[in-house]
Amino acid sequence: MFKFLDDGIPENDFDRQLLDSNLVGAINLVELNEREREIALKKQLELKLNPIKGNFDYQHLKDIHKKLFEDIYTFASLDRTDIGLDGVFLKGNQHFVPGNELKKYSKIKFF
């Protein structure tokens, strides 16, 4: 479980960005997490039935991200550098690739 779920108060820039950019009217991170899970699960099922065609390159993954989160966040399909989050990236206590290294990691083939 993410650390921010204890009290719903943003603890870093990305937590604040999540709350500020939500399209579901959530007023704290606990509420936002609940709505995100509900909506993204429905979108995931839609993607299983009607997958976005592509070759799992960076753009294809951004297209999938848009489908999953377009009803939740204003930044769906944008990477973190596009929204000004270039450094360390956390969502609660989950670490992700730093924004300033996304382009480098986006070129790595995993499949």
N, C-alpha and C. Protein backbone atom coordinates (compact mmCIF):
# COMPACT_ATOMS: atom_id res chain seq x y z
N MET A 1 0.84 -1.18 0.00
CA MET A 1 0.00 0.00 0.00
C MET A 1 0.89 1.24 0.00
N PHE A 2 0.49 2.25 -0.73
CA PHE A 2 1.28 3.47 -0.81
C PHE A 2 1.28 4.22 0.51
N LYS A 3 2.42 4.82 0.84
CA LYS A 3 2.58 5.55 2.09
C LYS A 3 1.57 6.68 2.25
N PHE A 4 1.25 7.40 1.15
CA PHE A 4 0.35 8.55 1.28
C PHE A 4 -1.06 8.15 1.70
N LEU A 5 -1.40 6.88 1.62
CA LEU A 5 -2.75 6.47 1.98
C LEU A 5 -3.02 6.56 3.47
N ASP A 6 -1.97 6.75 4.26
CA ASP A 6 -2.18 6.89 5.70
C ASP A 6 -3.06 8.09 6.02
N ASP A 7 -2.77 9.24 5.38
CA ASP A 7 -3.52 10.45 5.70
C ASP A 7 -4.02 11.22 4.48
N GLY A 8 -3.58 10.84 3.29
CA GLY A 8 -4.04 11.49 2.08
C GLY A 8 -3.41 12.83 1.78
N ILE A 9 -2.43 13.25 2.57
CA ILE A 9 -1.79 14.54 2.40
C ILE A 9 -0.58 14.39 1.48
N PRO A 10 -0.47 15.20 0.43
CA PRO A 10 0.67 15.11 -0.47
C PRO A 10 1.99 15.36 0.26
N GLU A 11 2.99 14.50 -0.03
CA GLU A 11 4.28 14.63 0.65
C GLU A 11 5.40 15.04 -0.29
N ASN A 12 5.15 15.07 -1.60
CA ASN A 12 6.19 15.46 -2.54
C ASN A 12 5.54 16.13 -3.76
N ASP A 13 6.37 16.61 -4.67
CA ASP A 13 5.87 17.34 -5.83
C ASP A 13 4.92 16.51 -6.68
N PHE A 14 5.24 15.23 -6.86
CA PHE A 14 4.37 14.44 -7.70
C PHE A 14 3.03 14.18 -7.04
N ASP A 15 3.03 13.92 -5.73
CA ASP A 15 1.75 13.76 -5.03
C ASP A 15 0.89 15.01 -5.20
N ARG A 16 1.52 16.19 -5.08
CA ARG A 16 0.78 17.45 -5.28
C ARG A 16 0.28 17.57 -6.71
N GLN A 17 1.14 17.17 -7.68
CA GLN A 17 0.75 17.22 -9.09
C GLN A 17 -0.45 16.30 -9.35
N LEU A 18 -0.42 15.11 -8.77
CA LEU A 18 -1.55 14.19 -8.93
C LEU A 18 -2.85 14.84 -8.47
N LEU A 19 -2.81 15.40 -7.29
CA LEU A 19 -4.02 15.99 -6.72
C LEU A 19 -4.48 17.21 -7.51
N ASP A 20 -3.52 18.06 -7.90
CA ASP A 20 -3.86 19.28 -8.63
C ASP A 20 -4.38 19.02 -10.03
N SER A 21 -3.98 17.90 -10.63
CA SER A 21 -4.34 17.65 -12.03
C SER A 21 -5.45 16.61 -12.19
N ASN A 22 -6.08 16.22 -11.09
CA ASN A 22 -7.11 15.19 -11.23
C ASN A 22 -8.38 15.74 -11.83
N LEU A 23 -9.04 14.94 -12.62
CA LEU A 23 -10.28 15.31 -13.31
C LEU A 23 -11.52 14.74 -12.62
N VAL A 24 -11.31 14.03 -11.50
CA VAL A 24 -12.43 13.36 -10.84
C VAL A 24 -12.92 14.12 -9.60
N GLY A 25 -12.32 15.27 -9.33
CA GLY A 25 -12.77 16.09 -8.21
C GLY A 25 -12.31 15.62 -6.85
N ALA A 26 -11.30 14.76 -6.80
CA ALA A 26 -10.80 14.27 -5.51
C ALA A 26 -10.14 15.41 -4.74
N ILE A 27 -10.35 15.41 -3.42
CA ILE A 27 -9.80 16.49 -2.59
C ILE A 27 -8.63 16.03 -1.72
N ASN A 28 -8.37 14.72 -1.72
CA ASN A 28 -7.18 14.19 -1.03
C ASN A 28 -6.70 12.96 -1.78
N LEU A 29 -5.51 12.51 -1.42
CA LEU A 29 -4.90 11.41 -2.16
C LEU A 29 -5.58 10.06 -1.92
N VAL A 30 -6.19 9.89 -0.78
CA VAL A 30 -6.91 8.64 -0.52
C VAL A 30 -8.10 8.54 -1.48
N GLU A 31 -8.87 9.61 -1.56
CA GLU A 31 -10.02 9.64 -2.47
C GLU A 31 -9.56 9.49 -3.93
N LEU A 32 -8.48 10.17 -4.28
CA LEU A 32 -7.96 10.08 -5.64
C LEU A 32 -7.53 8.66 -5.96
N ASN A 33 -6.84 8.01 -5.04
CA ASN A 33 -6.40 6.63 -5.27
C ASN A 33 -7.59 5.70 -5.48
N GLU A 34 -8.64 5.86 -4.71
CA GLU A 34 -9.83 5.03 -4.87
C GLU A 34 -10.47 5.22 -6.24
N ARG A 35 -10.60 6.48 -6.67
CA ARG A 35 -11.21 6.77 -7.97
C ARG A 35 -10.30 6.28 -9.11
N GLU A 36 -8.98 6.47 -8.94
CA GLU A 36 -8.03 6.02 -9.97
C GLU A 36 -8.14 4.51 -10.15
N ARG A 37 -8.16 3.78 -9.07
CA ARG A 37 -8.25 2.32 -9.16
C ARG A 37 -9.55 1.89 -9.85
N GLU A 38 -10.65 2.51 -9.47
CA GLU A 38 -11.95 2.16 -10.04
C GLU A 38 -11.98 2.41 -11.55
N ILE A 39 -11.56 3.59 -11.95
CA ILE A 39 -11.61 3.96 -13.37
C ILE A 39 -10.58 3.18 -14.18
N ALA A 40 -9.35 3.09 -13.68
CA ALA A 40 -8.29 2.42 -14.42
C ALA A 40 -8.58 0.93 -14.58
N LEU A 41 -9.21 0.31 -13.60
CA LEU A 41 -9.58 -1.11 -13.75
C LEU A 41 -10.58 -1.31 -14.89
N LYS A 42 -11.55 -0.40 -14.99
CA LYS A 42 -12.51 -0.48 -16.09
C LYS A 42 -11.81 -0.28 -17.44
N LYS A 43 -10.90 0.67 -17.48
CA LYS A 43 -10.17 0.92 -18.71
C LYS A 43 -9.27 -0.26 -19.08
N GLN A 44 -8.70 -0.90 -18.07
CA GLN A 44 -7.86 -2.07 -18.31
C GLN A 44 -8.68 -3.18 -18.96
N LEU A 45 -9.89 -3.38 -18.48
CA LEU A 45 -10.77 -4.39 -19.09
C LEU A 45 -11.10 -4.02 -20.53
N GLU A 46 -11.34 -2.74 -20.78
CA GLU A 46 -11.61 -2.29 -22.14
C GLU A 46 -10.41 -2.58 -23.05
N LEU A 47 -9.20 -2.35 -22.52
CA LEU A 47 -8.00 -2.61 -23.31
C LEU A 47 -7.80 -4.09 -23.59
N LYS A 48 -8.23 -4.94 -22.67
CA LYS A 48 -8.13 -6.38 -22.92
C LYS A 48 -9.02 -6.78 -24.09
N LEU A 49 -10.21 -6.17 -24.14
CA LEU A 49 -11.15 -6.48 -25.21
C LEU A 49 -10.79 -5.81 -26.53
N ASN A 50 -10.19 -4.62 -26.44
CA ASN A 50 -9.87 -3.85 -27.63
C ASN A 50 -8.48 -3.22 -27.45
N PRO A 51 -7.43 -4.02 -27.60
CA PRO A 51 -6.07 -3.52 -27.35
C PRO A 51 -5.66 -2.41 -28.32
N ILE A 52 -4.81 -1.55 -27.84
CA ILE A 52 -4.20 -0.53 -28.70
C ILE A 52 -3.07 -1.21 -29.45
N LYS A 53 -3.15 -1.18 -30.76
CA LYS A 53 -2.14 -1.85 -31.59
C LYS A 53 -0.85 -1.04 -31.59
N GLY A 54 0.25 -1.75 -31.57
CA GLY A 54 1.56 -1.11 -31.60
C GLY A 54 2.63 -2.13 -31.32
N ASN A 55 3.86 -1.66 -31.16
CA ASN A 55 4.97 -2.59 -30.95
C ASN A 55 5.68 -2.34 -29.61
N PHE A 56 4.94 -1.88 -28.65
CA PHE A 56 5.43 -1.68 -27.28
C PHE A 56 6.66 -0.79 -27.21
N ASP A 57 6.75 0.17 -28.12
CA ASP A 57 7.78 1.18 -28.02
C ASP A 57 7.26 2.29 -27.10
N TYR A 58 8.07 3.31 -26.93
CA TYR A 58 7.72 4.39 -25.99
C TYR A 58 6.38 5.04 -26.34
N GLN A 59 6.17 5.34 -27.61
CA GLN A 59 4.90 5.97 -28.01
C GLN A 59 3.71 5.05 -27.76
N HIS A 60 3.88 3.78 -28.03
CA HIS A 60 2.80 2.83 -27.79
C HIS A 60 2.43 2.79 -26.30
N LEU A 61 3.44 2.77 -25.45
CA LEU A 61 3.18 2.77 -24.00
C LEU A 61 2.52 4.07 -23.56
N LYS A 62 2.90 5.19 -24.17
CA LYS A 62 2.24 6.46 -23.85
C LYS A 62 0.77 6.43 -24.30
N ASP A 63 0.50 5.79 -25.41
CA ASP A 63 -0.89 5.65 -25.89
C ASP A 63 -1.72 4.82 -24.91
N ILE A 64 -1.11 3.75 -24.39
CA ILE A 64 -1.80 2.92 -23.39
C ILE A 64 -2.04 3.73 -22.12
N HIS A 65 -1.04 4.49 -21.71
CA HIS A 65 -1.16 5.35 -20.52
C HIS A 65 -2.33 6.32 -20.69
N LYS A 66 -2.43 6.90 -21.89
CA LYS A 66 -3.54 7.83 -22.15
C LYS A 66 -4.88 7.14 -21.98
N LYS A 67 -5.02 5.96 -22.56
CA LYS A 67 -6.29 5.23 -22.46
C LYS A 67 -6.64 4.93 -21.01
N LEU A 68 -5.64 4.50 -20.24
CA LEU A 68 -5.89 4.14 -18.84
C LEU A 68 -6.27 5.34 -17.97
N PHE A 69 -5.64 6.50 -18.23
CA PHE A 69 -5.74 7.61 -17.28
C PHE A 69 -6.38 8.89 -17.83
N GLU A 70 -6.87 8.90 -19.07
CA GLU A 70 -7.39 10.13 -19.66
C GLU A 70 -8.61 10.69 -18.93
N ASP A 71 -9.35 9.86 -18.22
CA ASP A 71 -10.52 10.34 -17.48
C ASP A 71 -10.17 10.69 -16.03
N ILE A 72 -8.90 10.54 -15.68
CA ILE A 72 -8.48 10.76 -14.29
C ILE A 72 -7.55 11.95 -14.16
N TYR A 73 -6.60 12.10 -15.09
CA TYR A 73 -5.57 13.13 -14.99
C TYR A 73 -5.43 13.93 -16.27
N THR A 74 -5.13 15.21 -16.11
CA THR A 74 -4.91 16.08 -17.27
C THR A 74 -3.65 15.71 -18.03
N PHE A 75 -2.70 15.05 -17.39
CA PHE A 75 -1.41 14.75 -18.02
C PHE A 75 -1.35 13.36 -18.65
N ALA A 76 -2.47 12.67 -18.81
CA ALA A 76 -2.45 11.34 -19.42
C ALA A 76 -1.73 11.38 -20.75
N SER A 77 -0.79 10.49 -20.95
CA SER A 77 0.07 10.28 -22.13
C SER A 77 1.28 11.21 -22.17
N LEU A 78 1.37 12.17 -21.29
CA LEU A 78 2.56 13.02 -21.23
C LEU A 78 3.58 12.37 -20.32
N ASP A 79 4.87 12.54 -20.64
CA ASP A 79 5.84 12.02 -19.69
C ASP A 79 6.17 13.11 -18.67
N ARG A 80 6.89 12.73 -17.64
CA ARG A 80 7.12 13.65 -16.52
C ARG A 80 7.90 14.89 -16.93
N THR A 81 8.79 14.78 -17.89
CA THR A 81 9.51 15.97 -18.32
C THR A 81 8.57 16.97 -18.98
N ASP A 82 7.52 16.48 -19.63
CA ASP A 82 6.52 17.37 -20.24
C ASP A 82 5.77 18.19 -19.21
N ILE A 83 5.66 17.68 -17.99
CA ILE A 83 4.93 18.41 -16.95
C ILE A 83 5.86 18.99 -15.89
N GLY A 84 7.16 18.99 -16.19
CA GLY A 84 8.12 19.66 -15.33
C GLY A 84 8.66 18.87 -14.16
N LEU A 85 8.51 17.56 -14.17
CA LEU A 85 9.04 16.72 -13.09
C LEU A 85 10.26 15.97 -13.61
N ASP A 86 11.40 16.65 -13.58
CA ASP A 86 12.62 16.10 -14.17
C ASP A 86 13.43 15.22 -13.24
N GLY A 87 13.28 15.37 -11.95
CA GLY A 87 14.16 14.68 -11.01
C GLY A 87 13.59 13.39 -10.47
N VAL A 88 13.88 13.16 -9.20
CA VAL A 88 13.43 11.95 -8.50
C VAL A 88 11.92 11.86 -8.58
N PHE A 89 11.42 10.67 -8.79
CA PHE A 89 9.99 10.48 -8.97
C PHE A 89 9.48 9.41 -8.04
N LEU A 90 8.56 9.79 -7.19
CA LEU A 90 7.92 8.88 -6.24
C LEU A 90 6.41 9.01 -6.38
N LYS A 91 5.73 7.92 -6.20
CA LYS A 91 4.28 7.95 -6.02
C LYS A 91 4.06 7.22 -4.71
N GLY A 92 3.80 8.00 -3.66
CA GLY A 92 3.80 7.44 -2.33
C GLY A 92 5.21 6.98 -2.03
N ASN A 93 5.42 5.72 -1.74
CA ASN A 93 6.76 5.19 -1.47
C ASN A 93 7.30 4.36 -2.63
N GLN A 94 6.66 4.42 -3.79
CA GLN A 94 7.08 3.68 -4.98
C GLN A 94 8.02 4.55 -5.82
N HIS A 95 9.24 4.09 -6.08
CA HIS A 95 10.21 4.82 -6.88
C HIS A 95 10.07 4.45 -8.36
N PHE A 96 10.23 5.46 -9.23
CA PHE A 96 10.19 5.28 -10.67
C PHE A 96 11.46 5.89 -11.27
N VAL A 97 11.68 5.66 -12.55
CA VAL A 97 12.82 6.26 -13.25
C VAL A 97 12.72 7.78 -13.13
N PRO A 98 13.82 8.45 -12.77
CA PRO A 98 13.80 9.92 -12.72
C PRO A 98 13.40 10.51 -14.07
N GLY A 99 12.65 11.58 -14.05
CA GLY A 99 12.17 12.20 -15.28
C GLY A 99 13.25 12.53 -16.28
N ASN A 100 14.40 13.01 -15.76
CA ASN A 100 15.49 13.39 -16.67
C ASN A 100 16.17 12.19 -17.30
N GLU A 101 15.80 10.97 -16.93
CA GLU A 101 16.38 9.77 -17.54
C GLU A 101 15.35 8.98 -18.37
N LEU A 102 14.14 9.50 -18.48
CA LEU A 102 13.10 8.79 -19.22
C LEU A 102 13.47 8.54 -20.67
N LYS A 103 14.00 9.54 -21.35
CA LYS A 103 14.34 9.36 -22.77
C LYS A 103 15.35 8.23 -22.95
N LYS A 104 16.35 8.18 -22.07
CA LYS A 104 17.37 7.13 -22.15
C LYS A 104 16.72 5.75 -21.94
N TYR A 105 15.92 5.62 -20.91
CA TYR A 105 15.31 4.32 -20.61
C TYR A 105 14.22 3.95 -21.61
N SER A 106 13.64 4.94 -22.27
CA SER A 106 12.58 4.64 -23.24
C SER A 106 13.11 3.92 -24.47
N LYS A 107 14.41 3.95 -24.67
CA LYS A 107 15.02 3.30 -25.84
C LYS A 107 15.39 1.85 -25.58
N ILE A 108 15.31 1.40 -24.35
CA ILE A 108 15.66 0.02 -23.99
C ILE A 108 14.52 -0.91 -24.42
N LYS A 109 14.86 -1.97 -25.11
CA LYS A 109 13.87 -2.96 -25.55
C LYS A 109 13.77 -4.06 -24.49
N PHE A 110 12.57 -4.27 -23.98
CA PHE A 110 12.34 -5.28 -22.96
C PHE A 110 11.68 -6.53 -23.55
N PHE A 111 11.19 -6.45 -24.78
CA PHE A 111 10.49 -7.57 -25.39
C PHE A 111 11.21 -8.04 -26.63
